[in-house]
Structures are given as structure tokens and as C-alpha cells.
Amino acid sequence: MPVSARARHDEGAIMTVLDDNLTLADDGTVICTHCKTRLGETSQDPLAKAVKRERPSRDAGPGVHADPKTFTAREIVLRQFFCPGCSTVLATEIVPQDEPSFRHWSLDVKA
């Protein structure tokens, strides 16, 4: 996930905008842009406090209608991550259930 070069100032702190929903505080904490809930305290797991929900892949919508069992013996799920403060969807993926998040990313904060 590329990091935007955009920055803003909130209450004297420099904040780096990661995407429309996530902001990196100058102390390395990832926060929700909308409600300021702290989502992760470390660069290795920036969404550690996000709420994770898994559902059948067909719940992604009408464009996902094929039965995954036609293509694989593994269970395929719709995995979503939400802000616990305001319920904004932070990430969505369709992945094998037994694998870690496909879109896993980390931040290396340099002083």
C-alpha cells in the first residue's frame, strides 16, 4: 500500500495521510481519519485494533457469484476490517480463510 506524500497538521502534530481512512501520527500510531480512534500502536501491525469480520465470499455482492468449491478445496472468505470507533470499512479482501491477510502491510517510521 503506497503512502501518500500528503501531510496535515492537527493540534500541532504532523499527520501523514495514508489513504482516505487512515492517518499516520508523528508518534507512529495509525489513527482513523474520521473519528481519531487509534487503530495500531506499532509499525508492524498498524490495524491491530481494527474489528475483523469474515463472511462467505458471495456476500461481497452480485459480482461474486461463482461457488469457490468449483476452483479450490479451500474455504474462501470475504474479510473486512472496520474502525471500532465509527465502523468505517478500512480494508476488504476475498482470500483463503486459512491464510493471513493478503493485504498485510507495515510501516517503517524513520526519525
PDB file of N, CA and C in Angstrom:
ATOM      1  N   MET A   1       0.846  -1.167   0.000  1.00  0.00           N
ATOM      2  CA  MET A   1       0.000   0.000   0.000  1.00  0.00           C
ATOM      3  C   MET A   1       0.893   1.232   0.000  1.00  0.00           C
ATOM      4  N   PRO A   2       0.871   2.048  -1.053  1.00  0.00           N
ATOM      5  CA  PRO A   2       1.738   3.215  -1.097  1.00  0.00           C
ATOM      6  C   PRO A   2       1.294   4.282  -0.106  1.00  0.00           C
ATOM      7  N   VAL A   3       2.261   4.963   0.459  1.00  0.00           N
ATOM      8  CA  VAL A   3       1.979   6.027   1.410  1.00  0.00           C
ATOM      9  C   VAL A   3       1.945   7.341   0.658  1.00  0.00           C
ATOM     10  N   SER A   4       0.934   8.126   0.921  1.00  0.00           N
ATOM     11  CA  SER A   4       0.789   9.420   0.287  1.00  0.00           C
ATOM     12  C   SER A   4       1.797  10.399   0.857  1.00  0.00           C
ATOM     13  N   ALA A   5       2.190  11.340   0.040  1.00  0.00           N
ATOM     14  CA  ALA A   5       3.100  12.385   0.494  1.00  0.00           C
ATOM     15  C   ALA A   5       2.337  13.513   1.176  1.00  0.00           C
ATOM     16  N   ARG A   6       1.014  13.448   1.158  1.00  0.00           N
ATOM     17  CA  ARG A   6       0.209  14.497   1.776  1.00  0.00           C
ATOM     18  C   ARG A   6       0.396  14.478   3.285  1.00  0.00           C
ATOM     19  N   ALA A   7       0.471  15.635   3.851  1.00  0.00           N
ATOM     20  CA  ALA A   7       0.573  15.754   5.300  1.00  0.00           C
ATOM     21  C   ALA A   7      -0.359  16.863   5.747  1.00  0.00           C
ATOM     22  N   ARG A   8      -0.793  16.788   6.977  1.00  0.00           N
ATOM     23  CA  ARG A   8      -1.609  17.856   7.532  1.00  0.00           C
ATOM     24  C   ARG A   8      -1.216  18.054   8.985  1.00  0.00           C
ATOM     25  N   HIS A   9      -1.637  19.147   9.529  1.00  0.00           N
ATOM     26  CA  HIS A   9      -1.307  19.478  10.915  1.00  0.00           C
ATOM     27  C   HIS A   9      -2.577  19.445  11.745  1.00  0.00           C
ATOM     28  N   ASP A  10      -2.619  18.586  12.759  1.00  0.00           N
ATOM     29  CA  ASP A  10      -3.740  18.504  13.691  1.00  0.00           C
ATOM     30  C   ASP A  10      -3.216  18.800  15.085  1.00  0.00           C
ATOM     31  N   GLU A  11      -3.699  19.880  15.668  1.00  0.00           N
ATOM     32  CA  GLU A  11      -3.339  20.240  17.042  1.00  0.00           C
ATOM     33  C   GLU A  11      -1.823  20.224  17.257  1.00  0.00           C
ATOM     34  N   GLY A  12      -1.079  20.764  16.304  1.00  0.00           N
ATOM     35  CA  GLY A  12       0.356  20.884  16.433  1.00  0.00           C
ATOM     36  C   GLY A  12       1.154  19.667  15.999  1.00  0.00           C
ATOM     37  N   ALA A  13       0.497  18.548  15.725  1.00  0.00           N
ATOM     38  CA  ALA A  13       1.186  17.331  15.302  1.00  0.00           C
ATOM     39  C   ALA A  13       1.149  17.223  13.783  1.00  0.00           C
ATOM     40  N   ILE A  14       2.206  16.680  13.218  1.00  0.00           N
ATOM     41  CA  ILE A  14       2.239  16.437  11.777  1.00  0.00           C
ATOM     42  C   ILE A  14       1.655  15.058  11.527  1.00  0.00           C
ATOM     43  N   MET A  15       0.668  14.993  10.634  1.00  0.00           N
ATOM     44  CA  MET A  15      -0.009  13.747  10.323  1.00  0.00           C
ATOM     45  C   MET A  15       0.208  13.438   8.843  1.00  0.00           C
ATOM     46  N   THR A  16       0.564  12.190   8.541  1.00  0.00           N
ATOM     47  CA  THR A  16       0.724  11.754   7.157  1.00  0.00           C
ATOM     48  C   THR A  16      -0.518  10.972   6.750  1.00  0.00           C
ATOM     49  N   VAL A  17      -1.143  11.393   5.662  1.00  0.00           N
ATOM     50  CA  VAL A  17      -2.348  10.742   5.172  1.00  0.00           C
ATOM     51  C   VAL A  17      -1.944   9.480   4.414  1.00  0.00           C
ATOM     52  N   LEU A  18      -2.405   8.308   4.886  1.00  0.00           N
ATOM     53  CA  LEU A  18      -2.089   7.041   4.240  1.00  0.00           C
ATOM     54  C   LEU A  18      -3.097   6.719   3.141  1.00  0.00           C
ATOM     55  N   ASP A  19      -4.362   6.951   3.413  1.00  0.00           N
ATOM     56  CA  ASP A  19      -5.436   6.822   2.415  1.00  0.00           C
ATOM     57  C   ASP A  19      -6.621   7.630   2.920  1.00  0.00           C
ATOM     58  N   ASP A  20      -7.776   7.468   2.328  1.00  0.00           N
ATOM     59  CA  ASP A  20      -8.940   8.262   2.728  1.00  0.00           C
ATOM     60  C   ASP A  20      -9.394   8.008   4.156  1.00  0.00           C
ATOM     61  N   ASN A  21      -9.006   6.883   4.741  1.00  0.00           N
ATOM     62  CA  ASN A  21      -9.491   6.499   6.061  1.00  0.00           C
ATOM     63  C   ASN A  21      -8.420   6.422   7.143  1.00  0.00           C
ATOM     64  N   LEU A  22      -7.169   6.378   6.762  1.00  0.00           N
ATOM     65  CA  LEU A  22      -6.083   6.161   7.721  1.00  0.00           C
ATOM     66  C   LEU A  22      -5.066   7.288   7.691  1.00  0.00           C
ATOM     67  N   THR A  23      -4.615   7.668   8.882  1.00  0.00           N
ATOM     68  CA  THR A  23      -3.618   8.711   9.029  1.00  0.00           C
ATOM     69  C   THR A  23      -2.536   8.209   9.970  1.00  0.00           C
ATOM     70  N   LEU A  24      -1.298   8.528   9.647  1.00  0.00           N
ATOM     71  CA  LEU A  24      -0.156   8.166  10.485  1.00  0.00           C
ATOM     72  C   LEU A  24       0.234   9.370  11.324  1.00  0.00           C
ATOM     73  N   ALA A  25       0.158   9.229  12.639  1.00  0.00           N
ATOM     74  CA  ALA A  25       0.553  10.308  13.548  1.00  0.00           C
ATOM     75  C   ALA A  25       2.072  10.356  13.643  1.00  0.00           C
ATOM     76  N   ASP A  26       2.597  11.471  14.097  1.00  0.00           N
ATOM     77  CA  ASP A  26       4.054  11.625  14.168  1.00  0.00           C
ATOM     78  C   ASP A  26       4.708  10.676  15.160  1.00  0.00           C
ATOM     79  N   ASP A  27       3.927  10.066  16.068  1.00  0.00           N
ATOM     80  CA  ASP A  27       4.488   9.092  17.012  1.00  0.00           C
ATOM     81  C   ASP A  27       4.444   7.657  16.472  1.00  0.00           C
ATOM     82  N   GLY A  28       3.999   7.484  15.207  1.00  0.00           N
ATOM     83  CA  GLY A  28       3.952   6.163  14.593  1.00  0.00           C
ATOM     84  C   GLY A  28       2.623   5.444  14.745  1.00  0.00           C
ATOM     85  N   THR A  29       1.669   6.053  15.415  1.00  0.00           N
ATOM     86  CA  THR A  29       0.357   5.460  15.618  1.00  0.00           C
ATOM     87  C   THR A  29      -0.504   5.679  14.382  1.00  0.00           C
ATOM     88  N   VAL A  30      -1.235   4.642  13.958  1.00  0.00           N
ATOM     89  CA  VAL A  30      -2.192   4.772  12.866  1.00  0.00           C
ATOM     90  C   VAL A  30      -3.554   5.067  13.479  1.00  0.00           C
ATOM     91  N   ILE A  31      -4.200   6.133  12.990  1.00  0.00           N
ATOM     92  CA  ILE A  31      -5.499   6.523  13.520  1.00  0.00           C
ATOM     93  C   ILE A  31      -6.529   6.612  12.401  1.00  0.00           C
ATOM     94  N   CYS A  32      -7.783   6.480  12.765  1.00  0.00           N
ATOM     95  CA  CYS A  32      -8.885   6.650  11.830  1.00  0.00           C
ATOM     96  C   CYS A  32      -9.005   8.137  11.511  1.00  0.00           C
ATOM     97  N   THR A  33      -9.029   8.474  10.241  1.00  0.00           N
ATOM     98  CA  THR A  33      -9.133   9.862   9.816  1.00  0.00           C
ATOM     99  C   THR A  33     -10.451  10.485  10.258  1.00  0.00           C
ATOM    100  N   HIS A  34     -11.495   9.681  10.352  1.00  0.00           N
ATOM    101  CA  HIS A  34     -12.831  10.196  10.612  1.00  0.00           C
ATOM    102  C   HIS A  34     -13.120  10.454  12.089  1.00  0.00           C
ATOM    103  N   CYS A  35     -12.699   9.527  12.970  1.00  0.00           N
ATOM    104  CA  CYS A  35     -13.066   9.661  14.386  1.00  0.00           C
ATOM    105  C   CYS A  35     -11.860   9.711  15.327  1.00  0.00           C
ATOM    106  N   LYS A  36     -10.660   9.599  14.774  1.00  0.00           N
ATOM    107  CA  LYS A  36      -9.405   9.681  15.543  1.00  0.00           C
ATOM    108  C   LYS A  36      -9.156   8.493  16.474  1.00  0.00           C
ATOM    109  N   THR A  37      -9.855   7.376  16.268  1.00  0.00           N
ATOM    110  CA  THR A  37      -9.601   6.165  17.058  1.00  0.00           C
ATOM    111  C   THR A  37      -8.224   5.622  16.701  1.00  0.00           C
ATOM    112  N   ARG A  38      -7.460   5.245  17.713  1.00  0.00           N
ATOM    113  CA  ARG A  38      -6.141   4.638  17.488  1.00  0.00           C
ATOM    114  C   ARG A  38      -6.345   3.195  17.039  1.00  0.00           C
ATOM    115  N   LEU A  39      -5.803   2.866  15.877  1.00  0.00           N
ATOM    116  CA  LEU A  39      -6.000   1.534  15.299  1.00  0.00           C
ATOM    117  C   LEU A  39      -4.798   0.630  15.469  1.00  0.00           C
ATOM    118  N   GLY A  40      -3.627   1.197  15.593  1.00  0.00           N
ATOM    119  CA  GLY A  40      -2.416   0.407  15.764  1.00  0.00           C
ATOM    120  C   GLY A  40      -1.331   1.226  16.405  1.00  0.00           C
ATOM    121  N   GLU A  41      -0.613   0.604  17.306  1.00  0.00           N
ATOM    122  CA  GLU A  41       0.442   1.300  18.040  1.00  0.00           C
ATOM    123  C   GLU A  41       1.829   1.010  17.492  1.00  0.00           C
ATOM    124  N   THR A  42       1.949  -0.012  16.646  1.00  0.00           N
ATOM    125  CA  THR A  42       3.263  -0.384  16.134  1.00  0.00           C
ATOM    126  C   THR A  42       3.256  -0.381  14.614  1.00  0.00           C
ATOM    127  N   SER A  43       4.425  -0.193  14.026  1.00  0.00           N
ATOM    128  CA  SER A  43       4.530  -0.161  12.569  1.00  0.00           C
ATOM    129  C   SER A  43       4.339  -1.545  11.955  1.00  0.00           C
ATOM    130  N   GLN A  44       4.532  -2.614  12.734  1.00  0.00           N
ATOM    131  CA  GLN A  44       4.381  -3.965  12.195  1.00  0.00           C
ATOM    132  C   GLN A  44       2.926  -4.410  12.097  1.00  0.00           C
ATOM    133  N   ASP A  45       2.036  -3.817  12.869  1.00  0.00           N
ATOM    134  CA  ASP A  45       0.626  -4.197  12.827  1.00  0.00           C
ATOM    135  C   ASP A  45      -0.242  -2.950  12.971  1.00  0.00           C
ATOM    136  N   PRO A  46      -0.296  -2.117  11.915  1.00  0.00           N
ATOM    137  CA  PRO A  46      -0.976  -0.831  12.022  1.00  0.00           C
ATOM    138  C   PRO A  46      -2.491  -0.915  12.186  1.00  0.00           C
ATOM    139  N   LEU A  47      -3.090  -2.068  11.935  1.00  0.00           N
ATOM    140  CA  LEU A  47      -4.539  -2.221  12.113  1.00  0.00           C
ATOM    141  C   LEU A  47      -4.867  -3.211  13.237  1.00  0.00           C
ATOM    142  N   ALA A  48      -3.996  -3.306  14.227  1.00  0.00           N
ATOM    143  CA  ALA A  48      -4.149  -4.287  15.305  1.00  0.00           C
ATOM    144  C   ALA A  48      -5.471  -4.158  16.049  1.00  0.00           C
ATOM    145  N   LYS A  49      -5.986  -2.962  16.201  1.00  0.00           N
ATOM    146  CA  LYS A  49      -7.212  -2.755  16.975  1.00  0.00           C
ATOM    147  C   LYS A  49      -8.458  -2.665  16.099  1.00  0.00           C
ATOM    148  N   ALA A  50      -8.305  -2.862  14.805  1.00  0.00           N
ATOM    149  CA  ALA A  50      -9.464  -2.849  13.907  1.00  0.00           C
ATOM    150  C   ALA A  50     -10.324  -4.079  14.166  1.00  0.00           C
ATOM    151  N   VAL A  51     -11.614  -3.941  13.938  1.00  0.00           N
ATOM    152  CA  VAL A  51     -12.538  -5.065  14.072  1.00  0.00           C
ATOM    153  C   VAL A  51     -12.493  -5.861  12.777  1.00  0.00           C
ATOM    154  N   LYS A  52     -12.282  -7.180  12.882  1.00  0.00           N
ATOM    155  CA  LYS A  52     -12.214  -8.050  11.703  1.00  0.00           C
ATOM    156  C   LYS A  52     -13.473  -8.888  11.618  1.00  0.00           C
ATOM    157  N   ARG A  53     -14.040  -8.962  10.412  1.00  0.00           N
ATOM    158  CA  ARG A  53     -15.224  -9.791  10.189  1.00  0.00           C
ATOM    159  C   ARG A  53     -14.994 -10.641   8.946  1.00  0.00           C
ATOM    160  N   GLU A  54     -15.310 -11.928   9.044  1.00  0.00           N
ATOM    161  CA  GLU A  54     -15.222 -12.843   7.906  1.00  0.00           C
ATOM    162  C   GLU A  54     -16.609 -13.388   7.601  1.00  0.00           C
ATOM    163  N   ARG A  55     -16.928 -13.409   6.307  1.00  0.00           N
ATOM    164  CA  ARG A  55     -18.212 -13.927   5.841  1.00  0.00           C
ATOM    165  C   ARG A  55     -17.970 -14.729   4.576  1.00  0.00           C
ATOM    166  N   PRO A  56     -18.960 -15.463   4.098  1.00  0.00           N
ATOM    167  CA  PRO A  56     -18.804 -16.178   2.828  1.00  0.00           C
ATOM    168  C   PRO A  56     -18.489 -15.186   1.698  1.00  0.00           C
ATOM    169  N   SER A  57     -17.647 -15.579   0.763  1.00  0.00           N
ATOM    170  CA  SER A  57     -17.224 -14.675  -0.308  1.00  0.00           C
ATOM    171  C   SER A  57     -18.397 -14.150  -1.131  1.00  0.00           C
ATOM    172  N   ARG A  58     -19.471 -14.914  -1.262  1.00  0.00           N
ATOM    173  CA  ARG A  58     -20.627 -14.468  -2.057  1.00  0.00           C
ATOM    174  C   ARG A  58     -21.275 -13.223  -1.458  1.00  0.00           C
ATOM    175  N   ASP A  59     -21.024 -12.932  -0.169  1.00  0.00           N
ATOM    176  CA  ASP A  59     -21.580 -11.741   0.464  1.00  0.00           C
ATOM    177  C   ASP A  59     -20.932 -10.448  -0.043  1.00  0.00           C
ATOM    178  N   ALA A  60     -19.902 -10.572  -0.885  1.00  0.00           N
ATOM    179  CA  ALA A  60     -19.238  -9.388  -1.438  1.00  0.00           C
ATOM    180  C   ALA A  60     -20.128  -8.657  -2.432  1.00  0.00           C
ATOM    181  N   GLY A  61     -21.126  -9.323  -2.970  1.00  0.00           N
ATOM    182  CA  GLY A  61     -22.046  -8.662  -3.884  1.00  0.00           C
ATOM    183  C   GLY A  61     -22.343  -9.514  -5.098  1.00  0.00           C
ATOM    184  N   PRO A  62     -23.169  -8.981  -6.009  1.00  0.00           N
ATOM    185  CA  PRO A  62     -23.619  -9.767  -7.159  1.00  0.00           C
ATOM    186  C   PRO A  62     -22.504 -10.144  -8.137  1.00  0.00           C
ATOM    187  N   GLY A  63     -21.391  -9.434  -8.106  1.00  0.00           N
ATOM    188  CA  GLY A  63     -20.279  -9.769  -9.000  1.00  0.00           C
ATOM    189  C   GLY A  63     -19.499 -10.996  -8.562  1.00  0.00           C
ATOM    190  N   VAL A  64     -19.722 -11.452  -7.344  1.00  0.00           N
ATOM    191  CA  VAL A  64     -19.033 -12.627  -6.814  1.00  0.00           C
ATOM    192  C   VAL A  64     -20.086 -13.708  -6.619  1.00  0.00           C
ATOM    193  N   HIS A  65     -20.369 -14.430  -7.671  1.00  0.00           N
ATOM    194  CA  HIS A  65     -21.457 -15.407  -7.610  1.00  0.00           C
ATOM    195  C   HIS A  65     -21.004 -16.847  -7.826  1.00  0.00           C
ATOM    196  N   ALA A  66     -19.776 -17.056  -8.294  1.00  0.00           N
ATOM    197  CA  ALA A  66     -19.293 -18.423  -8.509  1.00  0.00           C
ATOM    198  C   ALA A  66     -19.013 -19.099  -7.169  1.00  0.00           C
ATOM    199  N   ASP A  67     -19.291 -20.371  -7.100  1.00  0.00           N
ATOM    200  CA  ASP A  67     -19.009 -21.150  -5.899  1.00  0.00           C
ATOM    201  C   ASP A  67     -17.509 -21.422  -5.846  1.00  0.00           C
ATOM    202  N   PRO A  68     -16.809 -20.963  -4.801  1.00  0.00           N
ATOM    203  CA  PRO A  68     -15.367 -21.193  -4.714  1.00  0.00           C
ATOM    204  C   PRO A  68     -14.974 -22.660  -4.793  1.00  0.00           C
ATOM    205  N   LYS A  69     -15.860 -23.565  -4.385  1.00  0.00           N
ATOM    206  CA  LYS A  69     -15.558 -25.003  -4.417  1.00  0.00           C
ATOM    207  C   LYS A  69     -15.350 -25.507  -5.850  1.00  0.00           C
ATOM    208  N   THR A  70     -15.800 -24.736  -6.829  1.00  0.00           N
ATOM    209  CA  THR A  70     -15.565 -25.074  -8.234  1.00  0.00           C
ATOM    210  C   THR A  70     -14.079 -24.949  -8.570  1.00  0.00           C
ATOM    211  N   PHE A  71     -13.365 -24.089  -7.847  1.00  0.00           N
ATOM    212  CA  PHE A  71     -11.984 -23.764  -8.177  1.00  0.00           C
ATOM    213  C   PHE A  71     -10.960 -24.253  -7.162  1.00  0.00           C
ATOM    214  N   THR A  72     -11.380 -24.472  -5.922  1.00  0.00           N
ATOM    215  CA  THR A  72     -10.431 -24.847  -4.874  1.00  0.00           C
ATOM    216  C   THR A  72     -11.147 -25.615  -3.766  1.00  0.00           C
ATOM    217  N   ALA A  73     -10.404 -26.429  -3.059  1.00  0.00           N
ATOM    218  CA  ALA A  73     -10.963 -27.162  -1.921  1.00  0.00           C
ATOM    219  C   ALA A  73     -10.889 -26.319  -0.644  1.00  0.00           C
ATOM    220  N   ARG A  74     -10.174 -25.207  -0.705  1.00  0.00           N
ATOM    221  CA  ARG A  74     -10.012 -24.342   0.464  1.00  0.00           C
ATOM    222  C   ARG A  74     -11.244 -23.445   0.646  1.00  0.00           C
ATOM    223  N   GLU A  75     -11.520 -23.106   1.870  1.00  0.00           N
ATOM    224  CA  GLU A  75     -12.617 -22.191   2.172  1.00  0.00           C
ATOM    225  C   GLU A  75     -12.184 -20.765   1.813  1.00  0.00           C
ATOM    226  N   ILE A  76     -12.990 -20.069   1.008  1.00  0.00           N
ATOM    227  CA  ILE A  76     -12.703 -18.699   0.593  1.00  0.00           C
ATOM    228  C   ILE A  76     -13.671 -17.780   1.320  1.00  0.00           C
ATOM    229  N   VAL A  77     -13.153 -16.672   1.882  1.00  0.00           N
ATOM    230  CA  VAL A  77     -13.983 -15.770   2.675  1.00  0.00           C
ATOM    231  C   VAL A  77     -13.821 -14.323   2.226  1.00  0.00           C
ATOM    232  N   LEU A  78     -14.846 -13.555   2.526  1.00  0.00           N
ATOM    233  CA  LEU A  78     -14.794 -12.098   2.434  1.00  0.00           C
ATOM    234  C   LEU A  78     -14.320 -11.622   3.792  1.00  0.00           C
ATOM    235  N   ARG A  79     -13.176 -10.963   3.830  1.00  0.00           N
ATOM    236  CA  ARG A  79     -12.606 -10.488   5.094  1.00  0.00           C
ATOM    237  C   ARG A  79     -12.612  -8.964   5.070  1.00  0.00           C
ATOM    238  N   GLN A  80     -13.182  -8.375   6.110  1.00  0.00           N
ATOM    239  CA  GLN A  80     -13.242  -6.923   6.190  1.00  0.00           C
ATOM    240  C   GLN A  80     -12.710  -6.449   7.537  1.00  0.00           C
ATOM    241  N   PHE A  81     -12.086  -5.275   7.514  1.00  0.00           N
ATOM    242  CA  PHE A  81     -11.575  -4.632   8.715  1.00  0.00           C
ATOM    243  C   PHE A  81     -12.297  -3.302   8.884  1.00  0.00           C
ATOM    244  N   PHE A  82     -12.792  -3.033  10.111  1.00  0.00           N
ATOM    245  CA  PHE A  82     -13.571  -1.845  10.413  1.00  0.00           C
ATOM    246  C   PHE A  82     -12.935  -1.060  11.554  1.00  0.00           C
ATOM    247  N   CYS A  83     -13.159   0.242  11.557  1.00  0.00           N
ATOM    248  CA  CYS A  83     -12.765   1.068  12.695  1.00  0.00           C
ATOM    249  C   CYS A  83     -13.717   0.755  13.847  1.00  0.00           C
ATOM    250  N   PRO A  84     -13.201   0.456  15.045  1.00  0.00           N
ATOM    251  CA  PRO A  84     -14.086   0.176  16.178  1.00  0.00           C
ATOM    252  C   PRO A  84     -14.784   1.423  16.710  1.00  0.00           C
ATOM    253  N   GLY A  85     -14.321   2.594  16.324  1.00  0.00           N
ATOM    254  CA  GLY A  85     -14.924   3.825  16.811  1.00  0.00           C
ATOM    255  C   GLY A  85     -16.097   4.307  15.981  1.00  0.00           C
ATOM    256  N   CYS A  86     -15.999   4.192  14.642  1.00  0.00           N
ATOM    257  CA  CYS A  86     -17.049   4.744  13.779  1.00  0.00           C
ATOM    258  C   CYS A  86     -17.546   3.764  12.722  1.00  0.00           C
ATOM    259  N   SER A  87     -17.039   2.544  12.710  1.00  0.00           N
ATOM    260  CA  SER A  87     -17.451   1.468  11.793  1.00  0.00           C
ATOM    261  C   SER A  87     -17.100   1.707  10.328  1.00  0.00           C
ATOM    262  N   THR A  88     -16.199   2.628  10.036  1.00  0.00           N
ATOM    263  CA  THR A  88     -15.734   2.825   8.665  1.00  0.00           C
ATOM    264  C   THR A  88     -15.012   1.573   8.194  1.00  0.00           C
ATOM    265  N   VAL A  89     -15.290   1.141   6.970  1.00  0.00           N
ATOM    266  CA  VAL A  89     -14.581  -0.005   6.398  1.00  0.00           C
ATOM    267  C   VAL A  89     -13.168   0.450   6.034  1.00  0.00           C
ATOM    268  N   LEU A  90     -12.164  -0.222   6.567  1.00  0.00           N
ATOM    269  CA  LEU A  90     -10.767   0.141   6.336  1.00  0.00           C
ATOM    270  C   LEU A  90     -10.111  -0.707   5.259  1.00  0.00           C
ATOM    271  N   ALA A  91     -10.514  -1.965   5.140  1.00  0.00           N
ATOM    272  CA  ALA A  91      -9.942  -2.872   4.139  1.00  0.00           C
ATOM    273  C   ALA A  91     -10.923  -3.998   3.880  1.00  0.00           C
ATOM    274  N   THR A  92     -10.942  -4.455   2.640  1.00  0.00           N
ATOM    275  CA  THR A  92     -11.790  -5.573   2.235  1.00  0.00           C
ATOM    276  C   THR A  92     -10.990  -6.465   1.307  1.00  0.00           C
ATOM    277  N   GLU A  93     -11.091  -7.777   1.490  1.00  0.00           N
ATOM    278  CA  GLU A  93     -10.382  -8.720   0.627  1.00  0.00           C
ATOM    279  C   GLU A  93     -11.148 -10.039   0.564  1.00  0.00           C
ATOM    280  N   ILE A  94     -10.970 -10.746  -0.523  1.00  0.00           N
ATOM    281  CA  ILE A  94     -11.502 -12.103  -0.667  1.00  0.00           C
ATOM    282  C   ILE A  94     -10.296 -13.018  -0.723  1.00  0.00           C
ATOM    283  N   VAL A  95     -10.172 -13.895   0.288  1.00  0.00           N
ATOM    284  CA  VAL A  95      -8.952 -14.679   0.471  1.00  0.00           C
ATOM    285  C   VAL A  95      -9.270 -16.064   1.002  1.00  0.00           C
ATOM    286  N   PRO A  96      -8.315 -17.005   0.881  1.00  0.00           N
ATOM    287  CA  PRO A  96      -8.481 -18.287   1.571  1.00  0.00           C
ATOM    288  C   PRO A  96      -8.515 -18.043   3.084  1.00  0.00           C
ATOM    289  N   GLN A  97      -9.448 -18.671   3.756  1.00  0.00           N
ATOM    290  CA  GLN A  97      -9.648 -18.438   5.182  1.00  0.00           C
ATOM    291  C   GLN A  97      -8.425 -18.800   6.023  1.00  0.00           C
ATOM    292  N   ASP A  98      -7.668 -19.781   5.595  1.00  0.00           N
ATOM    293  CA  ASP A  98      -6.536 -20.238   6.401  1.00  0.00           C
ATOM    294  C   ASP A  98      -5.259 -19.425   6.178  1.00  0.00           C
ATOM    295  N   GLU A  99      -5.323 -18.390   5.388  1.00  0.00           N
ATOM    296  CA  GLU A  99      -4.146 -17.550   5.154  1.00  0.00           C
ATOM    297  C   GLU A  99      -4.269 -16.233   5.902  1.00  0.00           C
ATOM    298  N   PRO A 100      -3.117 -15.653   6.255  1.00  0.00           N
ATOM    299  CA  PRO A 100      -3.169 -14.327   6.887  1.00  0.00           C
ATOM    300  C   PRO A 100      -3.656 -13.302   5.871  1.00  0.00           C
ATOM    301  N   SER A 101      -3.898 -12.128   6.333  1.00  0.00           N
ATOM    302  CA  SER A 101      -4.402 -11.080   5.455  1.00  0.00           C
ATOM    303  C   SER A 101      -3.512 -10.910   4.231  1.00  0.00           C
ATOM    304  N   PHE A 102      -4.131 -10.977   3.062  1.00  0.00           N
ATOM    305  CA  PHE A 102      -3.411 -10.819   1.795  1.00  0.00           C
ATOM    306  C   PHE A 102      -2.823  -9.428   1.671  1.00  0.00           C
ATOM    307  N   ARG A 103      -3.533  -8.445   2.175  1.00  0.00           N
ATOM    308  CA  ARG A 103      -3.103  -7.064   2.055  1.00  0.00           C
ATOM    309  C   ARG A 103      -2.342  -6.602   3.285  1.00  0.00           C
ATOM    310  N   HIS A 104      -1.645  -7.519   3.938  1.00  0.00           N
ATOM    311  CA  HIS A 104      -0.875  -7.150   5.123  1.00  0.00           C
ATOM    312  C   HIS A 104       0.181  -6.130   4.732  1.00  0.00           C
ATOM    313  N   TRP A 105       0.343  -5.146   5.537  1.00  0.00           N
ATOM    314  CA  TRP A 105       1.360  -4.136   5.289  1.00  0.00           C
ATOM    315  C   TRP A 105       1.894  -3.640   6.617  1.00  0.00           C
ATOM    316  N   SER A 106       3.037  -3.045   6.556  1.00  0.00           N
ATOM    317  CA  SER A 106       3.636  -2.486   7.759  1.00  0.00           C
ATOM    318  C   SER A 106       4.262  -1.141   7.412  1.00  0.00           C
ATOM    319  N   LEU A 107       4.512  -0.362   8.422  1.00  0.00           N
ATOM    320  CA  LEU A 107       5.083   0.970   8.251  1.00  0.00           C
ATOM    321  C   LEU A 107       6.420   1.025   8.949  1.00  0.00           C
ATOM    322  N   ASP A 108       7.418   1.485   8.264  1.00  0.00           N
ATOM    323  CA  ASP A 108       8.717   1.722   8.889  1.00  0.00           C
ATOM    324  C   ASP A 108       8.816   3.225   9.117  1.00  0.00           C
ATOM    325  N   VAL A 109       8.727   3.645  10.363  1.00  0.00           N
ATOM    326  CA  VAL A 109       8.771   5.053  10.705  1.00  0.00           C
ATOM    327  C   VAL A 109      10.215   5.415  10.984  1.00  0.00           C
ATOM    328  N   LYS A 110      10.717   6.379  10.226  1.00  0.00           N
ATOM    329  CA  LYS A 110      12.101   6.820  10.390  1.00  0.00           C
ATOM    330  C   LYS A 110      12.111   8.228  10.980  1.00  0.00           C
ATOM    331  N   ALA A 111      12.990   8.413  11.920  1.00  0.00           N
ATOM    332  CA  ALA A 111      13.071   9.714  12.587  1.00  0.00           C
ATOM    333  C   ALA A 111      13.769  10.727  11.716  1.00  0.00           C
TER     334      ALA A 111
END
